[in-house]
Amino acid sequence: MSKLWYMYVTAFVAGIGITIVGMIQGNIAFVAIGVIIGVALYFNRGQIQ
């Protein structure tokens, strides 16, 4: 596995964590940041291979 793969996994876990924390705290900004990270990873998923 490449360094790029680890970077994507780290960003994915961070995005999920930020979204969950935002939902628990009721902070719409954290939820939005987590969703933006998820969308960015979705559109760049082809580069992992």
PDB file of N, CA and C in Angstrom:
ATOM      1  N   MET A   1       0.831  -1.172   0.000  1.00  0.00           N
ATOM      2  CA  MET A   1       0.000   0.000   0.000  1.00  0.00           C
ATOM      3  C   MET A   1       0.887   1.250   0.000  1.00  0.00           C
ATOM      4  N   SER A   2       0.442   2.212  -0.741  1.00  0.00           N
ATOM      5  CA  SER A   2       1.260   3.403  -0.943  1.00  0.00           C
ATOM      6  C   SER A   2       0.978   4.469   0.118  1.00  0.00           C
ATOM      7  N   LYS A   3       1.829   5.464   0.118  1.00  0.00           N
ATOM      8  CA  LYS A   3       1.661   6.596   1.032  1.00  0.00           C
ATOM      9  C   LYS A   3       0.352   7.333   0.733  1.00  0.00           C
ATOM     10  N   LEU A   4      -0.020   7.396  -0.546  1.00  0.00           N
ATOM     11  CA  LEU A   4      -1.263   8.056  -0.938  1.00  0.00           C
ATOM     12  C   LEU A   4      -2.474   7.337  -0.346  1.00  0.00           C
ATOM     13  N   TRP A   5      -2.419   5.995  -0.330  1.00  0.00           N
ATOM     14  CA  TRP A   5      -3.519   5.214   0.229  1.00  0.00           C
ATOM     15  C   TRP A   5      -3.696   5.534   1.711  1.00  0.00           C
ATOM     16  N   TYR A   6      -2.592   5.586   2.444  1.00  0.00           N
ATOM     17  CA  TYR A   6      -2.671   5.910   3.871  1.00  0.00           C
ATOM     18  C   TYR A   6      -3.215   7.321   4.093  1.00  0.00           C
ATOM     19  N   MET A   7      -2.877   8.239   3.197  1.00  0.00           N
ATOM     20  CA  MET A   7      -3.383   9.600   3.305  1.00  0.00           C
ATOM     21  C   MET A   7      -4.905   9.623   3.112  1.00  0.00           C
ATOM     22  N   TYR A   8      -5.409   8.862   2.151  1.00  0.00           N
ATOM     23  CA  TYR A   8      -6.853   8.788   1.923  1.00  0.00           C
ATOM     24  C   TYR A   8      -7.573   8.159   3.109  1.00  0.00           C
ATOM     25  N   VAL A   9      -7.001   7.098   3.666  1.00  0.00           N
ATOM     26  CA  VAL A   9      -7.627   6.444   4.818  1.00  0.00           C
ATOM     27  C   VAL A   9      -7.658   7.389   6.016  1.00  0.00           C
ATOM     28  N   THR A  10      -6.565   8.109   6.238  1.00  0.00           N
ATOM     29  CA  THR A  10      -6.516   9.074   7.335  1.00  0.00           C
ATOM     30  C   THR A  10      -7.556  10.172   7.146  1.00  0.00           C
ATOM     31  N   ALA A  11      -7.680  10.677   5.929  1.00  0.00           N
ATOM     32  CA  ALA A  11      -8.675  11.716   5.647  1.00  0.00           C
ATOM     33  C   ALA A  11     -10.088  11.175   5.836  1.00  0.00           C
ATOM     34  N   PHE A  12     -10.319   9.926   5.446  1.00  0.00           N
ATOM     35  CA  PHE A  12     -11.631   9.306   5.603  1.00  0.00           C
ATOM     36  C   PHE A  12     -12.009   9.188   7.077  1.00  0.00           C
ATOM     37  N   VAL A  13     -11.079   8.678   7.880  1.00  0.00           N
ATOM     38  CA  VAL A  13     -11.337   8.519   9.314  1.00  0.00           C
ATOM     39  C   VAL A  13     -11.536   9.887   9.975  1.00  0.00           C
ATOM     40  N   ALA A  14     -10.722  10.863   9.584  1.00  0.00           N
ATOM     41  CA  ALA A  14     -10.870  12.211  10.139  1.00  0.00           C
ATOM     42  C   ALA A  14     -12.224  12.807   9.762  1.00  0.00           C
ATOM     43  N   GLY A  15     -12.646  12.611   8.522  1.00  0.00           N
ATOM     44  CA  GLY A  15     -13.938  13.123   8.076  1.00  0.00           C
ATOM     45  C   GLY A  15     -15.093  12.518   8.847  1.00  0.00           C
ATOM     46  N   ILE A  16     -15.030  11.214   9.066  1.00  0.00           N
ATOM     47  CA  ILE A  16     -16.084  10.558   9.843  1.00  0.00           C
ATOM     48  C   ILE A  16     -16.072  11.064  11.283  1.00  0.00           C
ATOM     49  N   GLY A  17     -14.882  11.171  11.857  1.00  0.00           N
ATOM     50  CA  GLY A  17     -14.771  11.662  13.235  1.00  0.00           C
ATOM     51  C   GLY A  17     -15.306  13.073  13.388  1.00  0.00           C
ATOM     52  N   ILE A  18     -14.939  13.949  12.465  1.00  0.00           N
ATOM     53  CA  ILE A  18     -15.410  15.339  12.524  1.00  0.00           C
ATOM     54  C   ILE A  18     -16.930  15.395  12.379  1.00  0.00           C
ATOM     55  N   THR A  19     -17.478  14.581  11.482  1.00  0.00           N
ATOM     56  CA  THR A  19     -18.930  14.564  11.288  1.00  0.00           C
ATOM     57  C   THR A  19     -19.648  14.078  12.542  1.00  0.00           C
ATOM     58  N   ILE A  20     -19.144  13.013  13.154  1.00  0.00           N
ATOM     59  CA  ILE A  20     -19.780  12.471  14.364  1.00  0.00           C
ATOM     60  C   ILE A  20     -19.706  13.474  15.512  1.00  0.00           C
ATOM     61  N   VAL A  21     -18.534  14.088  15.699  1.00  0.00           N
ATOM     62  CA  VAL A  21     -18.397  15.094  16.761  1.00  0.00           C
ATOM     63  C   VAL A  21     -19.348  16.263  16.501  1.00  0.00           C
ATOM     64  N   GLY A  22     -19.456  16.673  15.256  1.00  0.00           N
ATOM     65  CA  GLY A  22     -20.371  17.758  14.917  1.00  0.00           C
ATOM     66  C   GLY A  22     -21.815  17.410  15.205  1.00  0.00           C
ATOM     67  N   MET A  23     -22.197  16.162  14.925  1.00  0.00           N
ATOM     68  CA  MET A  23     -23.571  15.744  15.214  1.00  0.00           C
ATOM     69  C   MET A  23     -23.829  15.691  16.713  1.00  0.00           C
ATOM     70  N   ILE A  24     -22.859  15.195  17.467  1.00  0.00           N
ATOM     71  CA  ILE A  24     -23.034  15.104  18.919  1.00  0.00           C
ATOM     72  C   ILE A  24     -23.140  16.497  19.535  1.00  0.00           C
ATOM     73  N   GLN A  25     -22.286  17.411  19.082  1.00  0.00           N
ATOM     74  CA  GLN A  25     -22.274  18.759  19.647  1.00  0.00           C
ATOM     75  C   GLN A  25     -23.334  19.673  19.031  1.00  0.00           C
ATOM     76  N   GLY A  26     -23.943  19.238  17.959  1.00  0.00           N
ATOM     77  CA  GLY A  26     -24.917  20.078  17.273  1.00  0.00           C
ATOM     78  C   GLY A  26     -24.260  21.225  16.523  1.00  0.00           C
ATOM     79  N   ASN A  27     -23.037  21.001  16.071  1.00  0.00           N
ATOM     80  CA  ASN A  27     -22.267  22.038  15.380  1.00  0.00           C
ATOM     81  C   ASN A  27     -22.349  21.786  13.874  1.00  0.00           C
ATOM     82  N   ILE A  28     -23.128  22.587  13.178  1.00  0.00           N
ATOM     83  CA  ILE A  28     -23.345  22.390  11.746  1.00  0.00           C
ATOM     84  C   ILE A  28     -22.064  22.594  10.943  1.00  0.00           C
ATOM     85  N   ALA A  29     -21.143  23.413  11.451  1.00  0.00           N
ATOM     86  CA  ALA A  29     -19.887  23.658  10.730  1.00  0.00           C
ATOM     87  C   ALA A  29     -19.050  22.382  10.671  1.00  0.00           C
ATOM     88  N   PHE A  30     -18.955  21.644  11.782  1.00  0.00           N
ATOM     89  CA  PHE A  30     -18.193  20.392  11.782  1.00  0.00           C
ATOM     90  C   PHE A  30     -18.832  19.372  10.847  1.00  0.00           C
ATOM     91  N   VAL A  31     -20.149  19.296  10.879  1.00  0.00           N
ATOM     92  CA  VAL A  31     -20.849  18.356   9.999  1.00  0.00           C
ATOM     93  C   VAL A  31     -20.575  18.714   8.542  1.00  0.00           C
ATOM     94  N   ALA A  32     -20.630  19.990   8.214  1.00  0.00           N
ATOM     95  CA  ALA A  32     -20.378  20.427   6.838  1.00  0.00           C
ATOM     96  C   ALA A  32     -18.944  20.110   6.414  1.00  0.00           C
ATOM     97  N   ILE A  33     -17.978  20.330   7.299  1.00  0.00           N
ATOM     98  CA  ILE A  33     -16.580  20.016   6.971  1.00  0.00           C
ATOM     99  C   ILE A  33     -16.418  18.522   6.725  1.00  0.00           C
ATOM    100  N   GLY A  34     -17.035  17.694   7.563  1.00  0.00           N
ATOM    101  CA  GLY A  34     -16.964  16.247   7.376  1.00  0.00           C
ATOM    102  C   GLY A  34     -17.582  15.807   6.061  1.00  0.00           C
ATOM    103  N   VAL A  35     -18.700  16.410   5.701  1.00  0.00           N
ATOM    104  CA  VAL A  35     -19.358  16.074   4.435  1.00  0.00           C
ATOM    105  C   VAL A  35     -18.497  16.519   3.252  1.00  0.00           C
ATOM    106  N   ILE A  36     -17.887  17.689   3.351  1.00  0.00           N
ATOM    107  CA  ILE A  36     -17.013  18.170   2.273  1.00  0.00           C
ATOM    108  C   ILE A  36     -15.825  17.228   2.089  1.00  0.00           C
ATOM    109  N   ILE A  37     -15.243  16.754   3.189  1.00  0.00           N
ATOM    110  CA  ILE A  37     -14.144  15.791   3.095  1.00  0.00           C
ATOM    111  C   ILE A  37     -14.626  14.522   2.399  1.00  0.00           C
ATOM    112  N   GLY A  38     -15.806  14.041   2.777  1.00  0.00           N
ATOM    113  CA  GLY A  38     -16.354  12.838   2.157  1.00  0.00           C
ATOM    114  C   GLY A  38     -16.602  13.003   0.670  1.00  0.00           C
ATOM    115  N   VAL A  39     -17.146  14.135   0.272  1.00  0.00           N
ATOM    116  CA  VAL A  39     -17.407  14.393  -1.147  1.00  0.00           C
ATOM    117  C   VAL A  39     -16.094  14.473  -1.923  1.00  0.00           C
ATOM    118  N   ALA A  40     -15.099  15.135  -1.343  1.00  0.00           N
ATOM    119  CA  ALA A  40     -13.796  15.238  -2.007  1.00  0.00           C
ATOM    120  C   ALA A  40     -13.167  13.862  -2.193  1.00  0.00           C
ATOM    121  N   LEU A  41     -13.267  13.016  -1.185  1.00  0.00           N
ATOM    122  CA  LEU A  41     -12.719  11.664  -1.306  1.00  0.00           C
ATOM    123  C   LEU A  41     -13.496  10.846  -2.336  1.00  0.00           C
ATOM    124  N   TYR A  42     -14.811  11.036  -2.393  1.00  0.00           N
ATOM    125  CA  TYR A  42     -15.625  10.305  -3.361  1.00  0.00           C
ATOM    126  C   TYR A  42     -15.206  10.640  -4.791  1.00  0.00           C
ATOM    127  N   PHE A  43     -15.015  11.921  -5.073  1.00  0.00           N
ATOM    128  CA  PHE A  43     -14.664  12.312  -6.431  1.00  0.00           C
ATOM    129  C   PHE A  43     -13.215  11.979  -6.792  1.00  0.00           C
ATOM    130  N   ASN A  44     -12.365  11.749  -5.798  1.00  0.00           N
ATOM    131  CA  ASN A  44     -10.963  11.406  -6.058  1.00  0.00           C
ATOM    132  C   ASN A  44     -10.669   9.928  -5.842  1.00  0.00           C
ATOM    133  N   ARG A  45     -11.705   9.107  -5.727  1.00  0.00           N
ATOM    134  CA  ARG A  45     -11.508   7.693  -5.411  1.00  0.00           C
ATOM    135  C   ARG A  45     -10.740   6.935  -6.481  1.00  0.00           C
ATOM    136  N   GLY A  46     -10.769   7.373  -7.711  1.00  0.00           N
ATOM    137  CA  GLY A  46     -10.065   6.685  -8.789  1.00  0.00           C
ATOM    138  C   GLY A  46      -8.560   6.810  -8.704  1.00  0.00           C
ATOM    139  N   GLN A  47      -8.066   7.776  -7.975  1.00  0.00           N
ATOM    140  CA  GLN A  47      -6.630   7.990  -7.868  1.00  0.00           C
ATOM    141  C   GLN A  47      -5.962   7.051  -6.879  1.00  0.00           C
ATOM    142  N   ILE A  48      -6.745   6.354  -6.071  1.00  0.00           N
ATOM    143  CA  ILE A  48      -6.175   5.451  -5.070  1.00  0.00           C
ATOM    144  C   ILE A  48      -5.517   4.254  -5.741  1.00  0.00           C
ATOM    145  N   GLN A  49      -6.068   3.799  -6.833  1.00  0.00           N
ATOM    146  CA  GLN A  49      -5.549   2.620  -7.511  1.00  0.00           C
ATOM    147  C   GLN A  49      -4.211   2.950  -8.077  1.00  0.00           C
TER     148      GLN A  49
END
